[in-house]
Amino acid sequence: MSLTPEQQATNYYTMRHIEKVRNYINLVIFNLLKRAERHDQSKLESPEVELFTEFTPKLAKSTYGSEEYNGFKKEMGDALAHHYANNRHHPEHHKHGINDMTLIDLIEMMVDWKSASERHNDGNILKSIEINGQRFDMSPQLIRIFENTAKELF
């Protein structure tokens, strides 16, 4: 079958579009790979390493979002503040919380929540999303997107 010049032009532009989308997705992947390499590196240095070494086992034995859990986080004080200041995947890093985050930040935050939920004896990513939805004043739409993503990926 022979294509008309108009069909050939359409195919050319379609192929360029597909190529551009592929390249932009690869840019997102590249940025996620950089995030994966750098994720939470500040936990391995002072002032974080000392308190995270002490409190991570305590946090893991508590129920996420409970009074006990939040009490431990409060005791971590300056180390946790330092952590948030140096890791943009935490809403606390940004002046306006989640509203100032990028999609890349949100993806890193989501997988961080999933990983953290697995440290708790009673951890559950959907429960974490519910708690954090309230904690960070997330819109119902964004909460639903997080839930849909968790169900698809995890």
N, C-alpha and C. Protein backbone atom coordinates (compact mmCIF):
# COMPACT_ATOMS: atom_id res chain seq x y z
N MET A 1 0.85 -1.17 0.00
CA MET A 1 0.00 0.00 0.00
C MET A 1 0.90 1.24 0.00
N SER A 2 0.62 2.11 -0.86
CA SER A 2 1.38 3.34 -1.01
C SER A 2 0.68 4.46 -0.26
N LEU A 3 1.46 5.23 0.48
CA LEU A 3 0.88 6.34 1.25
C LEU A 3 0.93 7.63 0.44
N THR A 4 -0.08 8.43 0.62
CA THR A 4 -0.09 9.75 -0.01
C THR A 4 0.92 10.63 0.71
N PRO A 5 1.35 11.70 0.10
CA PRO A 5 2.26 12.64 0.78
C PRO A 5 1.68 13.14 2.10
N GLU A 6 0.39 13.36 2.14
CA GLU A 6 -0.25 13.83 3.39
C GLU A 6 -0.16 12.75 4.47
N GLN A 7 -0.39 11.49 4.13
CA GLN A 7 -0.29 10.38 5.07
C GLN A 7 1.16 10.20 5.55
N GLN A 8 2.10 10.36 4.63
CA GLN A 8 3.52 10.26 4.99
C GLN A 8 3.89 11.35 5.99
N ALA A 9 3.40 12.56 5.77
CA ALA A 9 3.68 13.68 6.68
C ALA A 9 3.07 13.40 8.05
N THR A 10 1.84 12.89 8.06
CA THR A 10 1.18 12.56 9.33
C THR A 10 1.98 11.50 10.08
N ASN A 11 2.41 10.47 9.37
CA ASN A 11 3.22 9.42 10.00
C ASN A 11 4.52 9.98 10.55
N TYR A 12 5.14 10.86 9.81
CA TYR A 12 6.39 11.48 10.25
C TYR A 12 6.16 12.23 11.57
N TYR A 13 5.11 13.05 11.63
CA TYR A 13 4.85 13.82 12.84
C TYR A 13 4.43 12.92 14.00
N THR A 14 3.73 11.86 13.68
CA THR A 14 3.36 10.90 14.73
C THR A 14 4.60 10.23 15.31
N MET A 15 5.51 9.84 14.45
CA MET A 15 6.75 9.21 14.92
C MET A 15 7.58 10.19 15.75
N ARG A 16 7.64 11.44 15.36
CA ARG A 16 8.38 12.45 16.14
C ARG A 16 7.72 12.64 17.51
N HIS A 17 6.40 12.65 17.53
CA HIS A 17 5.68 12.78 18.81
C HIS A 17 6.01 11.60 19.73
N ILE A 18 5.94 10.40 19.18
CA ILE A 18 6.25 9.19 19.97
C ILE A 18 7.68 9.28 20.51
N GLU A 19 8.60 9.71 19.68
CA GLU A 19 10.00 9.83 20.08
C GLU A 19 10.16 10.87 21.20
N LYS A 20 9.47 12.00 21.07
CA LYS A 20 9.56 13.04 22.10
C LYS A 20 9.01 12.55 23.43
N VAL A 21 7.87 11.87 23.38
CA VAL A 21 7.28 11.33 24.61
C VAL A 21 8.25 10.34 25.25
N ARG A 22 8.82 9.47 24.46
CA ARG A 22 9.80 8.50 24.95
C ARG A 22 10.97 9.22 25.62
N ASN A 23 11.47 10.27 24.98
CA ASN A 23 12.60 11.02 25.54
C ASN A 23 12.22 11.71 26.84
N TYR A 24 11.03 12.26 26.93
CA TYR A 24 10.61 12.92 28.17
C TYR A 24 10.39 11.90 29.30
N ILE A 25 9.84 10.75 28.97
CA ILE A 25 9.70 9.70 29.99
C ILE A 25 11.08 9.27 30.47
N ASN A 26 12.03 9.14 29.55
CA ASN A 26 13.40 8.80 29.95
C ASN A 26 14.01 9.88 30.84
N LEU A 27 13.67 11.14 30.61
CA LEU A 27 14.14 12.22 31.48
C LEU A 27 13.58 12.05 32.90
N VAL A 28 12.31 11.70 32.99
CA VAL A 28 11.70 11.43 34.30
C VAL A 28 12.41 10.25 34.97
N ILE A 29 12.64 9.20 34.21
CA ILE A 29 13.33 8.02 34.75
C ILE A 29 14.72 8.39 35.23
N PHE A 30 15.45 9.17 34.45
CA PHE A 30 16.79 9.61 34.84
C PHE A 30 16.75 10.37 36.16
N ASN A 31 15.78 11.27 36.30
CA ASN A 31 15.65 12.02 37.55
C ASN A 31 15.30 11.11 38.71
N LEU A 32 14.46 10.13 38.49
CA LEU A 32 14.13 9.18 39.55
C LEU A 32 15.34 8.33 39.93
N LEU A 33 16.13 7.94 38.95
CA LEU A 33 17.35 7.19 39.26
C LEU A 33 18.32 8.01 40.10
N LYS A 34 18.45 9.30 39.80
CA LYS A 34 19.29 10.18 40.63
C LYS A 34 18.73 10.26 42.04
N ARG A 35 17.42 10.36 42.18
CA ARG A 35 16.80 10.40 43.50
C ARG A 35 17.05 9.10 44.26
N ALA A 36 16.95 7.99 43.56
CA ALA A 36 17.17 6.68 44.20
C ALA A 36 18.58 6.59 44.77
N GLU A 37 19.56 7.11 44.03
CA GLU A 37 20.95 7.08 44.49
C GLU A 37 21.19 7.98 45.69
N ARG A 38 20.50 9.10 45.75
CA ARG A 38 20.74 10.09 46.81
C ARG A 38 19.76 9.99 47.98
N HIS A 39 18.76 9.12 47.87
CA HIS A 39 17.69 9.10 48.86
C HIS A 39 18.22 8.97 50.29
N ASP A 40 17.82 9.91 51.14
CA ASP A 40 18.09 9.89 52.59
C ASP A 40 19.55 9.76 52.98
N GLN A 41 20.46 10.19 52.13
CA GLN A 41 21.89 10.12 52.47
C GLN A 41 22.21 10.93 53.73
N SER A 42 21.42 11.95 54.03
CA SER A 42 21.68 12.76 55.22
C SER A 42 21.52 11.95 56.51
N LYS A 43 20.80 10.83 56.46
CA LYS A 43 20.64 9.98 57.64
C LYS A 43 21.95 9.32 58.05
N LEU A 44 22.92 9.32 57.17
CA LEU A 44 24.19 8.66 57.44
C LEU A 44 25.24 9.61 58.02
N GLU A 45 24.84 10.86 58.28
CA GLU A 45 25.76 11.88 58.79
C GLU A 45 25.16 12.55 60.02
N SER A 46 26.02 13.15 60.80
CA SER A 46 25.57 13.92 61.95
C SER A 46 24.86 15.18 61.44
N PRO A 47 23.83 15.63 62.10
CA PRO A 47 23.30 15.21 63.40
C PRO A 47 22.25 14.11 63.32
N GLU A 48 22.00 13.59 62.12
CA GLU A 48 20.93 12.61 61.96
C GLU A 48 21.32 11.20 62.39
N VAL A 49 22.51 10.76 62.04
CA VAL A 49 22.86 9.35 62.21
C VAL A 49 22.70 8.89 63.66
N GLU A 50 23.06 9.73 64.61
CA GLU A 50 22.99 9.33 66.02
C GLU A 50 21.54 9.08 66.44
N LEU A 51 20.66 10.03 66.12
CA LEU A 51 19.27 9.87 66.56
C LEU A 51 18.50 8.86 65.73
N PHE A 52 18.77 8.79 64.44
CA PHE A 52 18.09 7.77 63.63
C PHE A 52 18.52 6.37 64.06
N THR A 53 19.77 6.20 64.45
CA THR A 53 20.24 4.90 64.95
C THR A 53 19.48 4.52 66.21
N GLU A 54 19.26 5.49 67.08
CA GLU A 54 18.53 5.22 68.33
C GLU A 54 17.04 5.02 68.10
N PHE A 55 16.43 5.86 67.27
CA PHE A 55 14.97 5.88 67.18
C PHE A 55 14.36 5.01 66.10
N THR A 56 15.10 4.63 65.07
CA THR A 56 14.50 3.81 64.01
C THR A 56 13.91 2.52 64.56
N PRO A 57 14.60 1.77 65.44
CA PRO A 57 13.96 0.56 65.99
C PRO A 57 12.72 0.87 66.83
N LYS A 58 12.74 1.98 67.55
CA LYS A 58 11.58 2.37 68.36
C LYS A 58 10.40 2.71 67.46
N LEU A 59 10.68 3.47 66.41
CA LEU A 59 9.62 3.84 65.48
C LEU A 59 9.03 2.60 64.82
N ALA A 60 9.88 1.65 64.46
CA ALA A 60 9.44 0.43 63.77
C ALA A 60 8.51 -0.40 64.65
N LYS A 61 8.72 -0.37 65.97
CA LYS A 61 7.89 -1.16 66.88
C LYS A 61 6.59 -0.47 67.24
N SER A 62 6.46 0.79 66.86
CA SER A 62 5.24 1.53 67.17
C SER A 62 4.32 1.53 65.95
N THR A 63 3.09 1.93 66.18
CA THR A 63 2.12 2.04 65.09
C THR A 63 2.24 3.41 64.47
N TYR A 64 2.36 3.44 63.14
CA TYR A 64 2.52 4.71 62.44
C TYR A 64 1.34 5.63 62.75
N GLY A 65 1.67 6.87 63.10
CA GLY A 65 0.65 7.87 63.39
C GLY A 65 0.12 7.86 64.80
N SER A 66 0.53 6.87 65.61
CA SER A 66 0.04 6.77 66.99
C SER A 66 0.68 7.85 67.87
N GLU A 67 0.15 8.02 69.07
CA GLU A 67 0.74 8.98 70.02
C GLU A 67 2.18 8.58 70.34
N GLU A 68 2.42 7.29 70.51
CA GLU A 68 3.77 6.81 70.81
C GLU A 68 4.72 7.18 69.65
N TYR A 69 4.30 6.88 68.43
CA TYR A 69 5.11 7.18 67.24
C TYR A 69 5.41 8.68 67.16
N ASN A 70 4.38 9.49 67.31
CA ASN A 70 4.57 10.94 67.24
C ASN A 70 5.43 11.46 68.38
N GLY A 71 5.36 10.82 69.55
CA GLY A 71 6.23 11.19 70.66
C GLY A 71 7.69 10.93 70.34
N PHE A 72 7.96 9.78 69.73
CA PHE A 72 9.34 9.47 69.31
C PHE A 72 9.84 10.50 68.31
N LYS A 73 8.98 10.85 67.36
CA LYS A 73 9.39 11.84 66.35
C LYS A 73 9.70 13.19 67.00
N LYS A 74 8.91 13.55 68.00
CA LYS A 74 9.14 14.82 68.70
C LYS A 74 10.49 14.79 69.41
N GLU A 75 10.84 13.65 70.00
CA GLU A 75 12.13 13.51 70.69
C GLU A 75 13.31 13.63 69.72
N MET A 76 13.08 13.33 68.46
CA MET A 76 14.15 13.41 67.46
C MET A 76 14.49 14.85 67.09
N GLY A 77 13.60 15.77 67.39
CA GLY A 77 13.81 17.21 67.26
C GLY A 77 14.69 17.70 66.13
N ASP A 78 15.90 18.18 66.50
CA ASP A 78 16.80 18.81 65.55
C ASP A 78 17.24 17.88 64.43
N ALA A 79 17.41 16.60 64.73
CA ALA A 79 17.84 15.65 63.69
C ALA A 79 16.76 15.52 62.62
N LEU A 80 15.50 15.46 63.06
CA LEU A 80 14.40 15.35 62.11
C LEU A 80 14.25 16.65 61.31
N ALA A 81 14.41 17.78 61.98
CA ALA A 81 14.35 19.07 61.28
C ALA A 81 15.46 19.15 60.23
N HIS A 82 16.65 18.68 60.59
CA HIS A 82 17.77 18.66 59.64
C HIS A 82 17.45 17.74 58.46
N HIS A 83 16.84 16.60 58.75
CA HIS A 83 16.49 15.65 57.70
C HIS A 83 15.49 16.27 56.72
N TYR A 84 14.45 16.88 57.25
CA TYR A 84 13.45 17.51 56.38
C TYR A 84 14.08 18.63 55.55
N ALA A 85 14.96 19.41 56.16
CA ALA A 85 15.60 20.53 55.46
C ALA A 85 16.48 20.06 54.30
N ASN A 86 16.98 18.82 54.37
CA ASN A 86 17.91 18.32 53.37
C ASN A 86 17.33 17.28 52.42
N ASN A 87 16.03 17.05 52.50
CA ASN A 87 15.40 16.02 51.66
C ASN A 87 14.06 16.52 51.15
N ARG A 88 14.05 16.91 49.88
CA ARG A 88 12.88 17.58 49.31
C ARG A 88 11.68 16.66 49.07
N HIS A 89 11.83 15.35 49.28
CA HIS A 89 10.67 14.46 49.13
C HIS A 89 9.78 14.48 50.38
N HIS A 90 10.15 15.30 51.36
CA HIS A 90 9.30 15.48 52.56
C HIS A 90 8.54 16.79 52.43
N PRO A 91 7.23 16.77 52.65
CA PRO A 91 6.47 18.02 52.58
C PRO A 91 7.02 19.10 53.52
N GLU A 92 7.58 18.68 54.65
CA GLU A 92 8.12 19.63 55.62
C GLU A 92 9.31 20.42 55.06
N HIS A 93 9.88 19.97 53.99
CA HIS A 93 11.00 20.66 53.34
C HIS A 93 10.54 21.97 52.68
N HIS A 94 9.28 22.01 52.30
CA HIS A 94 8.75 23.10 51.48
C HIS A 94 7.89 24.06 52.30
N LYS A 95 7.98 25.31 51.96
CA LYS A 95 7.22 26.36 52.66
C LYS A 95 5.72 26.05 52.68
N HIS A 96 5.20 25.58 51.55
CA HIS A 96 3.77 25.30 51.43
C HIS A 96 3.50 23.79 51.30
N GLY A 97 4.37 23.00 51.90
CA GLY A 97 4.16 21.55 51.93
C GLY A 97 4.04 20.93 50.57
N ILE A 98 3.09 20.01 50.45
CA ILE A 98 2.89 19.27 49.20
C ILE A 98 2.61 20.20 48.04
N ASN A 99 1.99 21.33 48.29
CA ASN A 99 1.67 22.27 47.21
C ASN A 99 2.90 22.79 46.49
N ASP A 100 4.06 22.73 47.10
CA ASP A 100 5.30 23.20 46.47
C ASP A 100 6.12 22.05 45.88
N MET A 101 5.60 20.83 45.95
CA MET A 101 6.37 19.67 45.49
C MET A 101 6.15 19.41 44.00
N THR A 102 7.08 18.66 43.42
CA THR A 102 6.97 18.24 42.03
C THR A 102 6.46 16.81 41.96
N LEU A 103 6.10 16.36 40.77
CA LEU A 103 5.71 14.96 40.61
C LEU A 103 6.85 14.02 41.00
N ILE A 104 8.08 14.41 40.71
CA ILE A 104 9.24 13.58 41.08
C ILE A 104 9.32 13.49 42.60
N ASP A 105 9.12 14.62 43.29
CA ASP A 105 9.10 14.61 44.76
C ASP A 105 8.01 13.66 45.27
N LEU A 106 6.83 13.75 44.66
CA LEU A 106 5.70 12.93 45.11
C LEU A 106 5.96 11.44 44.90
N ILE A 107 6.59 11.09 43.80
CA ILE A 107 6.90 9.69 43.55
C ILE A 107 7.90 9.19 44.60
N GLU A 108 8.94 9.98 44.86
CA GLU A 108 9.91 9.57 45.87
C GLU A 108 9.25 9.46 47.24
N MET A 109 8.36 10.40 47.56
CA MET A 109 7.65 10.37 48.83
C MET A 109 6.80 9.11 48.94
N MET A 110 6.10 8.78 47.86
CA MET A 110 5.23 7.60 47.87
C MET A 110 6.02 6.32 48.12
N VAL A 111 7.14 6.14 47.44
CA VAL A 111 7.91 4.92 47.65
C VAL A 111 8.61 4.94 49.01
N ASP A 112 8.90 6.13 49.52
CA ASP A 112 9.44 6.25 50.88
C ASP A 112 8.39 5.79 51.89
N TRP A 113 7.14 6.22 51.70
CA TRP A 113 6.07 5.79 52.59
C TRP A 113 5.90 4.28 52.52
N LYS A 114 5.95 3.71 51.33
CA LYS A 114 5.79 2.26 51.18
C LYS A 114 6.91 1.53 51.92
N SER A 115 8.14 1.98 51.70
CA SER A 115 9.28 1.34 52.36
C SER A 115 9.18 1.47 53.87
N ALA A 116 8.83 2.66 54.35
CA ALA A 116 8.70 2.88 55.80
C ALA A 116 7.58 2.02 56.38
N SER A 117 6.49 1.85 55.64
CA SER A 117 5.38 1.04 56.15
C SER A 117 5.81 -0.41 56.36
N GLU A 118 6.77 -0.87 55.58
CA GLU A 118 7.23 -2.25 55.71
C GLU A 118 8.12 -2.47 56.93
N ARG A 119 8.61 -1.38 57.54
CA ARG A 119 9.41 -1.51 58.76
C ARG A 119 8.54 -1.74 59.99
N HIS A 120 7.28 -1.34 59.91
CA HIS A 120 6.37 -1.48 61.06
C HIS A 120 5.74 -2.86 61.05
N ASN A 121 5.61 -3.43 62.24
CA ASN A 121 4.96 -4.74 62.35
C ASN A 121 3.54 -4.72 61.80
N ASP A 122 2.87 -3.59 61.99
CA ASP A 122 1.48 -3.47 61.53
C ASP A 122 1.37 -2.44 60.39
N GLY A 123 2.45 -2.24 59.65
CA GLY A 123 2.46 -1.24 58.58
C GLY A 123 1.55 -1.60 57.42
N ASN A 124 1.00 -0.56 56.82
CA ASN A 124 0.08 -0.74 55.70
C ASN A 124 0.13 0.54 54.86
N ILE A 125 0.53 0.44 53.62
CA ILE A 125 0.68 1.64 52.79
C ILE A 125 -0.63 2.39 52.64
N LEU A 126 -1.75 1.70 52.52
CA LEU A 126 -3.02 2.40 52.37
C LEU A 126 -3.39 3.16 53.63
N LYS A 127 -3.08 2.59 54.79
CA LYS A 127 -3.31 3.29 56.06
C LYS A 127 -2.37 4.50 56.16
N SER A 128 -1.13 4.35 55.71
CA SER A 128 -0.19 5.48 55.72
C SER A 128 -0.68 6.60 54.83
N ILE A 129 -1.22 6.27 53.68
CA ILE A 129 -1.76 7.29 52.78
C ILE A 129 -2.93 8.01 53.44
N GLU A 130 -3.78 7.25 54.11
CA GLU A 130 -4.93 7.85 54.81
C GLU A 130 -4.45 8.83 55.89
N ILE A 131 -3.51 8.39 56.72
CA ILE A 131 -2.98 9.23 57.80
C ILE A 131 -2.29 10.47 57.22
N ASN A 132 -1.43 10.25 56.22
CA ASN A 132 -0.69 11.37 55.65
C ASN A 132 -1.57 12.31 54.83
N GLY A 133 -2.65 11.78 54.30
CA GLY A 133 -3.62 12.64 53.60
C GLY A 133 -4.14 13.71 54.54
N GLN A 134 -4.48 13.31 55.76
CA GLN A 134 -4.94 14.27 56.77
C GLN A 134 -3.79 15.12 57.28
N ARG A 135 -2.67 14.48 57.57
CA ARG A 135 -1.50 15.18 58.13
C ARG A 135 -1.02 16.32 57.23
N PHE A 136 -1.04 16.09 55.92
CA PHE A 136 -0.53 17.08 54.98
C PHE A 136 -1.63 17.81 54.21
N ASP A 137 -2.87 17.66 54.67
CA ASP A 137 -4.00 18.36 54.07
C ASP A 137 -4.07 18.13 52.56
N MET A 138 -3.96 16.86 52.18
CA MET A 138 -4.01 16.50 50.77
C MET A 138 -5.44 16.51 50.28
N SER A 139 -5.63 16.88 49.04
CA SER A 139 -6.97 16.88 48.44
C SER A 139 -7.45 15.44 48.30
N PRO A 140 -8.77 15.24 48.30
CA PRO A 140 -9.29 13.88 48.08
C PRO A 140 -8.80 13.30 46.75
N GLN A 141 -8.66 14.14 45.74
CA GLN A 141 -8.19 13.67 44.44
C GLN A 141 -6.76 13.12 44.53
N LEU A 142 -5.88 13.85 45.21
CA LEU A 142 -4.50 13.40 45.34
C LEU A 142 -4.42 12.13 46.19
N ILE A 143 -5.20 12.07 47.25
CA ILE A 143 -5.24 10.85 48.07
C ILE A 143 -5.65 9.66 47.21
N ARG A 144 -6.66 9.85 46.40
CA ARG A 144 -7.14 8.76 45.51
C ARG A 144 -6.05 8.34 44.53
N ILE A 145 -5.30 9.31 43.98
CA ILE A 145 -4.21 8.99 43.06
C ILE A 145 -3.15 8.16 43.77
N PHE A 146 -2.80 8.54 45.01
CA PHE A 146 -1.84 7.76 45.79
C PHE A 146 -2.36 6.35 46.04
N GLU A 147 -3.63 6.23 46.42
CA GLU A 147 -4.21 4.90 46.66
C GLU A 147 -4.20 4.05 45.39
N ASN A 148 -4.60 4.65 44.27
CA ASN A 148 -4.61 3.92 43.00
C ASN A 148 -3.21 3.44 42.63
N THR A 149 -2.22 4.31 42.86
CA THR A 149 -0.83 3.96 42.55
C THR A 149 -0.35 2.83 43.45
N ALA A 150 -0.66 2.92 44.73
CA ALA A 150 -0.24 1.87 45.67
C ALA A 150 -0.85 0.53 45.28
N LYS A 151 -2.11 0.54 44.92
CA LYS A 151 -2.78 -0.72 44.53
C LYS A 151 -2.18 -1.29 43.25
N GLU A 152 -1.78 -0.42 42.32
CA GLU A 152 -1.20 -0.90 41.07
C GLU A 152 0.22 -1.40 41.24
N LEU A 153 1.02 -0.69 42.05
CA LEU A 153 2.44 -1.01 42.16
C LEU A 153 2.77 -2.01 43.25
N PHE A 154 2.08 -1.93 44.38
CA PHE A 154 2.51 -2.68 45.55
C PHE A 154 1.51 -3.76 45.90
